[in-house]
Amino acid sequence: MPKTTFFNLSKEKQERIFKAAVGVFSNTPLREAKVSEIIKQADISRGAFYKYFENVDDLFQWTYQQIKVDAHNLIFTALENTKGDLFLALEMFFLDFLKSVDSSHYQGYFKVMMLNGEVELDQQVLATPPNGETQEVGIQKQFFTLINTRDLKLTNGREYQELVNFIMDIMHQLIKQHLIMHQPSEKTKAQFRQRLLWIENGVKK
């Protein structure tokens, strides 16, 4: 994560660095990204870069976390709008996320990230805030608090987590297929709906 000096910067300068990072990582895999290109686009010195970040990997992880916040807000909004209906909310989330990927300047970023297997950073442990709870744990708690569990045949938190992870894996695969193979959005949406129905209702007669 960024050093304290970065968070002391003005919002305008933080945003400039963020946009520069998105621009570089949208065209270059993490392993090939260079500080020289980042500082050129951000209009900062090399010395300043290392005052704010340990290295390029540090900047990449922070950038990814900023983009992930948008996805978290989408799923929380979907759960609230569907009164906790997990499957309806996940479908709504997927459709909104797919639309966001297609229409935003993050499309190139996601494509490069998935092509190069950099999505694995999603699983890294984040820094622990003063309250002793990681950001990721806090997000998970909020997510599961919003789910209406009455109609689900799950008995404990581990089962809920595994189900959500399973569905998220399906989402990642379909998004990757959509971006890399230039698959039409309508086909991708239909594939996700079909997979959700298989999970929700089963396939055995």
Protein backbone atom coordinates (compact mmCIF):
# COMPACT_ATOMS: atom_id res chain seq x y z
CA MET A 1 0.00 0.00 0.00
CA PRO A 2 1.11 3.63 -0.52
CA LYS A 3 3.26 5.35 2.08
CA THR A 4 1.81 7.99 4.40
CA THR A 5 3.34 10.73 2.25
CA PHE A 6 1.04 9.74 -0.61
CA PHE A 7 -2.11 10.19 1.46
CA ASN A 8 -0.89 13.66 2.47
CA LEU A 9 -1.05 14.75 -1.18
CA SER A 10 -3.95 16.76 -2.55
CA LYS A 11 -6.84 14.79 -4.03
CA GLU A 12 -6.01 16.29 -7.42
CA LYS A 13 -2.45 14.93 -7.35
CA GLN A 14 -3.58 11.51 -6.07
CA GLU A 15 -6.09 11.37 -8.93
CA ARG A 16 -3.39 12.32 -11.44
CA ILE A 17 -1.17 9.48 -10.25
CA PHE A 18 -4.12 7.08 -10.31
CA LYS A 19 -5.00 8.00 -13.89
CA ALA A 20 -1.37 7.62 -14.93
CA ALA A 21 -1.22 4.16 -13.34
CA VAL A 22 -4.43 3.07 -15.06
CA GLY A 23 -3.06 4.34 -18.36
CA VAL A 24 0.21 2.43 -18.02
CA PHE A 25 -1.33 -0.79 -16.69
CA SER A 26 -3.97 -0.70 -19.44
CA ASN A 27 -1.25 -1.12 -22.05
CA THR A 28 1.56 -2.89 -20.20
CA PRO A 29 1.64 -6.05 -18.03
CA LEU A 30 2.80 -5.46 -14.47
CA ARG A 31 6.08 -7.33 -15.03
CA GLU A 32 6.95 -4.96 -17.90
CA ALA A 33 5.71 -1.68 -16.41
CA LYS A 34 8.42 0.90 -15.79
CA VAL A 35 8.63 3.70 -13.26
CA SER A 36 9.88 6.02 -16.01
CA GLU A 37 6.61 5.73 -17.95
CA ILE A 38 4.46 6.14 -14.83
CA ILE A 39 6.22 9.31 -13.65
CA LYS A 40 6.11 10.74 -17.16
CA GLN A 41 2.33 10.36 -17.35
CA ALA A 42 1.81 11.46 -13.74
CA ASP A 43 4.17 14.42 -14.14
CA ILE A 44 6.14 13.63 -10.97
CA SER A 45 9.82 12.96 -10.33
CA ARG A 46 11.36 9.54 -9.77
CA GLY A 47 12.28 10.60 -6.25
CA ALA A 48 8.68 11.58 -5.55
CA PHE A 49 7.45 8.21 -6.81
CA TYR A 50 9.57 6.37 -4.26
CA LYS A 51 8.38 8.73 -1.53
CA TYR A 52 4.84 7.56 -2.27
CA PHE A 53 5.31 3.87 -3.20
CA GLU A 54 7.79 1.10 -2.49
CA ASN A 55 7.82 -0.03 -6.12
CA VAL A 56 5.64 -0.57 -9.20
CA ASP A 57 3.99 -3.63 -7.61
CA ASP A 58 2.91 -1.43 -4.70
CA LEU A 59 1.32 1.08 -7.08
CA PHE A 60 -0.38 -1.71 -9.03
CA GLN A 61 -1.94 -3.23 -5.90
CA TRP A 62 -3.21 0.17 -4.73
CA THR A 63 -4.63 0.95 -8.18
CA TYR A 64 -6.44 -2.38 -8.27
CA GLN A 65 -7.94 -1.78 -4.84
CA GLN A 66 -9.33 1.58 -6.00
CA ILE A 67 -11.02 -0.04 -8.97
CA LYS A 68 -12.34 -2.90 -6.82
CA VAL A 69 -14.19 -0.43 -4.61
CA ASP A 70 -16.49 0.33 -7.54
CA ALA A 71 -17.34 -3.37 -7.83
CA HIS A 72 -18.02 -3.65 -4.10
CA ASN A 73 -20.38 -0.69 -4.23
CA LEU A 74 -22.22 -2.31 -7.13
CA ILE A 75 -22.85 -5.55 -5.24
CA PHE A 76 -23.88 -3.75 -2.05
CA THR A 77 -26.35 -1.62 -4.01
CA ALA A 78 -27.71 -4.71 -5.78
CA LEU A 79 -28.25 -6.53 -2.47
CA GLU A 80 -30.03 -3.52 -1.00
CA ASN A 81 -32.24 -3.08 -4.08
CA THR A 82 -33.22 -6.78 -4.12
CA LYS A 83 -33.76 -6.94 -0.35
CA GLY A 84 -30.96 -9.46 0.04
CA ASP A 85 -31.94 -11.87 -2.76
CA LEU A 86 -28.47 -13.31 -3.43
CA PHE A 87 -29.07 -14.70 -6.93
CA LEU A 88 -31.04 -11.72 -8.20
CA ALA A 89 -28.43 -9.37 -6.73
CA LEU A 90 -25.55 -11.28 -8.30
CA GLU A 91 -27.22 -11.15 -11.70
CA MET A 92 -27.86 -7.43 -11.31
CA PHE A 93 -24.26 -6.94 -10.18
CA PHE A 94 -22.87 -8.90 -13.12
CA LEU A 95 -24.91 -6.94 -15.66
CA ASP A 96 -23.89 -3.60 -14.13
CA PHE A 97 -20.24 -4.66 -13.84
CA LEU A 98 -20.14 -5.87 -17.43
CA LYS A 99 -21.66 -2.58 -18.57
CA SER A 100 -19.09 -0.68 -16.53
CA VAL A 101 -16.20 -2.67 -18.00
CA ASP A 102 -17.49 -2.10 -21.54
CA SER A 103 -18.16 1.60 -21.17
CA SER A 104 -15.31 2.79 -18.94
CA HIS A 105 -11.63 3.46 -19.52
CA TYR A 106 -10.91 0.45 -17.27
CA GLN A 107 -11.62 -2.02 -20.10
CA GLY A 108 -8.02 -2.07 -21.28
CA TYR A 109 -6.81 -2.38 -17.70
CA PHE A 110 -8.99 -5.42 -16.98
CA LYS A 111 -8.04 -7.05 -20.27
CA VAL A 112 -4.28 -6.71 -19.67
CA MET A 113 -4.68 -7.84 -16.06
CA MET A 114 -6.63 -10.98 -16.97
CA LEU A 115 -4.44 -11.87 -19.94
CA ASN A 116 -1.40 -11.84 -17.69
CA GLY A 117 -2.93 -13.57 -14.67
CA GLU A 118 -2.60 -10.47 -12.49
CA VAL A 119 -6.07 -10.94 -11.01
CA GLU A 120 -4.37 -13.13 -8.39
CA LEU A 121 -3.48 -9.93 -6.53
CA ASP A 122 -7.12 -9.93 -5.47
CA GLN A 123 -6.22 -12.63 -2.98
CA GLN A 124 -3.37 -10.75 -1.30
CA VAL A 125 -3.78 -9.78 2.36
CA LEU A 126 -4.23 -6.03 2.73
CA ALA A 127 -2.63 -3.88 5.38
CA THR A 128 -4.37 -4.01 8.76
CA PRO A 129 -5.99 -0.71 9.87
CA PRO A 130 -5.76 0.46 13.50
CA ASN A 131 -8.96 -1.36 14.49
CA GLY A 132 -7.26 -4.69 13.77
CA GLU A 133 -9.64 -5.65 10.97
CA THR A 134 -8.50 -5.83 7.37
CA GLN A 135 -10.45 -3.92 4.74
CA GLU A 136 -11.25 -7.21 3.01
CA VAL A 137 -12.74 -8.77 6.17
CA GLY A 138 -14.87 -5.66 6.70
CA ILE A 139 -16.19 -5.87 3.15
CA GLN A 140 -17.02 -9.57 3.55
CA LYS A 141 -18.92 -8.87 6.77
CA GLN A 142 -20.94 -6.13 5.10
CA PHE A 143 -21.68 -8.40 2.14
CA PHE A 144 -22.96 -11.30 4.24
CA THR A 145 -24.96 -9.01 6.52
CA LEU A 146 -26.99 -7.88 3.49
CA ILE A 147 -27.86 -11.40 2.26
CA ASN A 148 -31.34 -12.76 2.98
CA THR A 149 -30.49 -16.29 4.16
CA ARG A 150 -34.03 -17.57 4.79
CA ASP A 151 -34.44 -19.22 1.37
CA LEU A 152 -30.95 -20.70 1.10
CA LYS A 153 -29.98 -24.23 2.08
CA LEU A 154 -26.68 -23.19 3.60
CA THR A 155 -25.94 -23.78 7.24
CA ASN A 156 -22.77 -21.85 8.07
CA GLY A 157 -20.49 -19.03 7.01
CA ARG A 158 -18.01 -21.36 5.31
CA GLU A 159 -20.70 -22.64 2.92
CA TYR A 160 -21.81 -19.11 2.08
CA GLN A 161 -18.21 -18.09 1.41
CA GLU A 162 -17.58 -21.11 -0.82
CA LEU A 163 -20.78 -20.50 -2.79
CA VAL A 164 -19.93 -16.84 -3.37
CA ASN A 165 -16.34 -17.74 -4.32
CA PHE A 166 -17.68 -20.32 -6.79
CA ILE A 167 -19.99 -17.79 -8.43
CA MET A 168 -17.25 -15.16 -8.50
CA ASP A 169 -14.99 -17.65 -10.29
CA ILE A 170 -17.72 -18.04 -12.94
CA MET A 171 -17.96 -14.25 -13.25
CA HIS A 172 -14.20 -13.87 -13.67
CA GLN A 173 -14.09 -16.54 -16.35
CA LEU A 174 -16.95 -15.01 -18.32
CA ILE A 175 -15.53 -11.48 -18.06
CA LYS A 176 -12.15 -12.77 -19.21
CA GLN A 177 -13.78 -14.57 -22.13
CA HIS A 178 -15.76 -11.45 -22.97
CA LEU A 179 -12.70 -9.19 -23.01
CA ILE A 180 -10.19 -11.48 -24.64
CA MET A 181 -12.42 -13.07 -27.26
CA HIS A 182 -14.49 -9.91 -27.88
CA GLN A 183 -17.61 -11.88 -27.14
CA PRO A 184 -20.87 -9.88 -27.47
CA SER A 185 -22.27 -8.61 -24.18
CA GLU A 186 -25.67 -10.24 -24.74
CA LYS A 187 -24.09 -13.66 -25.11
CA THR A 188 -22.03 -13.18 -21.95
CA LYS A 189 -25.12 -12.06 -20.01
CA ALA A 190 -27.09 -15.09 -21.22
CA GLN A 191 -24.29 -17.46 -20.23
CA PHE A 192 -24.17 -16.00 -16.72
CA ARG A 193 -27.96 -16.22 -16.30
CA GLN A 194 -27.86 -19.87 -17.38
CA ARG A 195 -25.12 -20.73 -14.90
CA LEU A 196 -26.95 -18.96 -12.08
CA LEU A 197 -30.10 -20.93 -12.87
CA TRP A 198 -28.14 -24.20 -12.76
CA ILE A 199 -26.81 -23.30 -9.33
CA GLU A 200 -30.12 -21.95 -8.00
CA ASN A 201 -32.41 -24.69 -9.31
CA GLY A 202 -30.11 -27.61 -10.14
CA VAL A 203 -30.06 -29.54 -13.40
CA LYS A 204 -31.39 -32.92 -12.27
CA LYS A 205 -35.05 -33.64 -13.07
